[in-house]
């Protein structure tokens, strides 16, 4: 297995998560008859929509951090932290879709995983530049 296979798997799973969020929003639009470009309406739709937006925003930071950490630090540690980020985002999704106040634990886990990736990437880049 190449070094990039595990981070690539995490990337693929992240893309599937983003796709799943988009499909869920589409279903809720239909269920509650909320036509684009509207982003407000039924609270169930609004929570699902917020999950999609929050996850997309987080993924925009997560994916570069994952690949920088995998390239300059450790592909295995990056993939493990990426898996924690994914678990956190799924936990966030499960909590937020039930009630907004249940989103915090999953959010917290994903933020910690992202911060660890950023630190690992920074460490690896600095170490590489210093060599």
Protein backbone atom coordinates (compact mmCIF):
# COMPACT_ATOMS: atom_id res chain seq x y z
CA UNK A 1 0.00 0.00 0.00
CA UNK A 2 1.34 3.42 -0.89
CA UNK A 3 1.68 6.17 1.72
CA UNK A 4 -1.18 8.10 0.11
CA UNK A 5 -3.76 5.29 0.17
CA UNK A 6 -5.08 5.96 3.68
CA UNK A 7 -5.39 9.75 3.30
CA UNK A 8 -6.98 9.09 -0.12
CA UNK A 9 -9.54 6.82 1.54
CA UNK A 10 -10.33 9.54 4.10
CA UNK A 11 -10.68 12.03 1.24
CA UNK A 12 -13.09 9.72 -0.58
CA UNK A 13 -15.15 9.22 2.59
CA UNK A 14 -15.21 13.01 3.11
CA UNK A 15 -16.55 13.48 -0.42
CA UNK A 16 -19.21 10.86 0.26
CA UNK A 17 -20.13 12.69 3.48
CA UNK A 18 -20.49 15.96 1.56
CA UNK A 19 -22.62 14.19 -1.06
CA UNK A 20 -24.79 12.67 1.67
CA UNK A 21 -25.31 16.08 3.26
CA UNK A 22 -26.39 17.53 -0.10
CA UNK A 23 -28.83 14.67 -0.72
CA UNK A 24 -30.27 15.10 2.78
CA UNK A 25 -30.83 18.82 2.16
CA UNK A 26 -32.54 18.02 -1.14
CA UNK A 27 -34.87 15.55 0.55
CA UNK A 28 -35.78 18.06 3.25
CA UNK A 29 -36.42 20.73 0.61
CA UNK A 30 -38.92 18.39 -1.03
CA UNK A 31 -40.48 17.23 2.23
CA UNK A 32 -41.05 20.78 3.48
CA UNK A 33 -41.59 22.38 0.03
CA UNK A 34 -38.72 24.84 0.38
CA UNK A 35 -37.67 25.81 -3.12
CA UNK A 36 -34.19 27.14 -3.94
CA UNK A 37 -32.76 29.66 -3.33
CA UNK A 38 -34.65 29.78 0.00
CA UNK A 39 -32.62 28.64 3.01
CA UNK A 40 -35.25 29.23 5.66
CA UNK A 41 -38.49 27.52 6.45
CA UNK A 42 -39.20 24.48 8.56
CA UNK A 43 -36.78 24.03 11.53
CA UNK A 44 -35.99 20.44 10.44
CA UNK A 45 -34.85 21.73 7.04
CA UNK A 46 -32.84 24.56 8.61
CA UNK A 47 -30.93 22.16 10.88
CA UNK A 48 -30.10 19.82 7.96
CA UNK A 49 -29.07 22.79 5.85
CA UNK A 50 -26.79 24.08 8.64
CA UNK A 51 -25.15 20.64 8.88
CA UNK A 52 -24.38 20.80 5.16
CA UNK A 53 -22.99 24.32 5.33
CA UNK A 54 -20.97 23.67 8.50
CA UNK A 55 -19.54 20.44 7.07
CA UNK A 56 -18.63 22.10 3.76
CA UNK A 57 -16.92 24.97 5.60
CA UNK A 58 -15.01 22.55 7.78
CA UNK A 59 -14.03 20.32 4.85
CA UNK A 60 -12.50 23.34 3.09
CA UNK A 61 -9.94 23.52 5.94
CA UNK A 62 -9.79 19.82 6.71
CA UNK A 63 -8.81 18.46 3.28
CA UNK A 64 -5.72 20.66 2.76
CA UNK A 65 -4.69 20.05 6.38
CA UNK A 66 -5.08 16.29 5.88
CA UNK A 67 -2.86 16.27 2.79
CA UNK A 68 -0.25 18.64 4.21
CA UNK A 69 -0.02 16.49 7.34
CA UNK A 70 0.13 13.30 5.26
CA UNK A 71 2.87 14.72 3.02
CA UNK A 72 5.10 16.45 5.57
CA UNK A 73 4.36 14.64 8.83
CA UNK A 74 2.84 11.14 8.74
CA UNK A 75 0.33 9.60 6.36
CA UNK A 76 -0.80 7.13 9.03
CA UNK A 77 -1.32 9.77 11.73
CA UNK A 78 -3.03 12.06 9.23
CA UNK A 79 -5.42 9.28 8.23
CA UNK A 80 -6.15 8.40 11.88
CA UNK A 81 -6.89 12.05 12.69
CA UNK A 82 -8.91 12.26 9.48
CA UNK A 83 -10.99 9.31 10.64
CA UNK A 84 -11.61 11.14 13.93
CA UNK A 85 -12.67 14.24 11.99
CA UNK A 86 -15.12 12.12 9.99
CA UNK A 87 -16.52 10.52 13.15
CA UNK A 88 -16.92 13.99 14.64
CA UNK A 89 -18.74 15.28 11.56
CA UNK A 90 -21.07 12.27 11.54
CA UNK A 91 -21.73 12.76 15.27
CA UNK A 92 -22.37 16.46 14.57
CA UNK A 93 -24.81 15.50 11.78
CA UNK A 94 -26.66 13.01 13.99
CA UNK A 95 -26.95 15.46 16.86
CA UNK A 96 -27.76 18.61 14.92
CA UNK A 97 -30.51 16.99 12.85
CA UNK A 98 -32.30 16.07 16.11
CA UNK A 99 -31.78 19.36 17.94
CA UNK A 100 -29.37 22.27 17.52
CA UNK A 101 -28.13 21.98 21.11
CA UNK A 102 -26.96 18.38 20.43
CA UNK A 103 -24.34 19.40 17.85
CA UNK A 104 -21.53 20.36 20.23
CA UNK A 105 -19.77 17.07 21.00
CA UNK A 106 -19.35 16.06 17.36
CA UNK A 107 -18.24 19.58 16.48
CA UNK A 108 -15.70 19.52 19.30
CA UNK A 109 -14.20 16.21 18.18
CA UNK A 110 -13.87 17.37 14.58
CA UNK A 111 -12.24 20.66 15.65
CA UNK A 112 -9.71 18.84 17.84
CA UNK A 113 -8.84 16.48 14.98
CA UNK A 114 -8.46 19.44 12.61
CA UNK A 115 -6.21 21.30 15.05
CA UNK A 116 -4.04 18.20 15.49
CA UNK A 117 -3.72 17.91 11.70
CA UNK A 118 -2.74 21.58 11.44
CA UNK A 119 -0.11 21.16 14.15
CA UNK A 120 1.23 18.00 12.55
CA UNK A 121 1.40 19.69 9.15
CA UNK A 122 3.14 22.75 10.62
CA UNK A 123 5.64 20.57 12.48
CA UNK A 124 6.40 18.55 9.35
CA UNK A 125 6.78 21.60 7.14
CA UNK A 126 9.08 23.37 9.62
CA UNK A 127 11.14 20.20 10.05
CA UNK A 128 11.45 19.84 6.28
CA UNK A 129 12.49 23.47 5.80
CA UNK A 130 15.05 23.21 8.62
CA UNK A 131 16.69 20.12 7.12
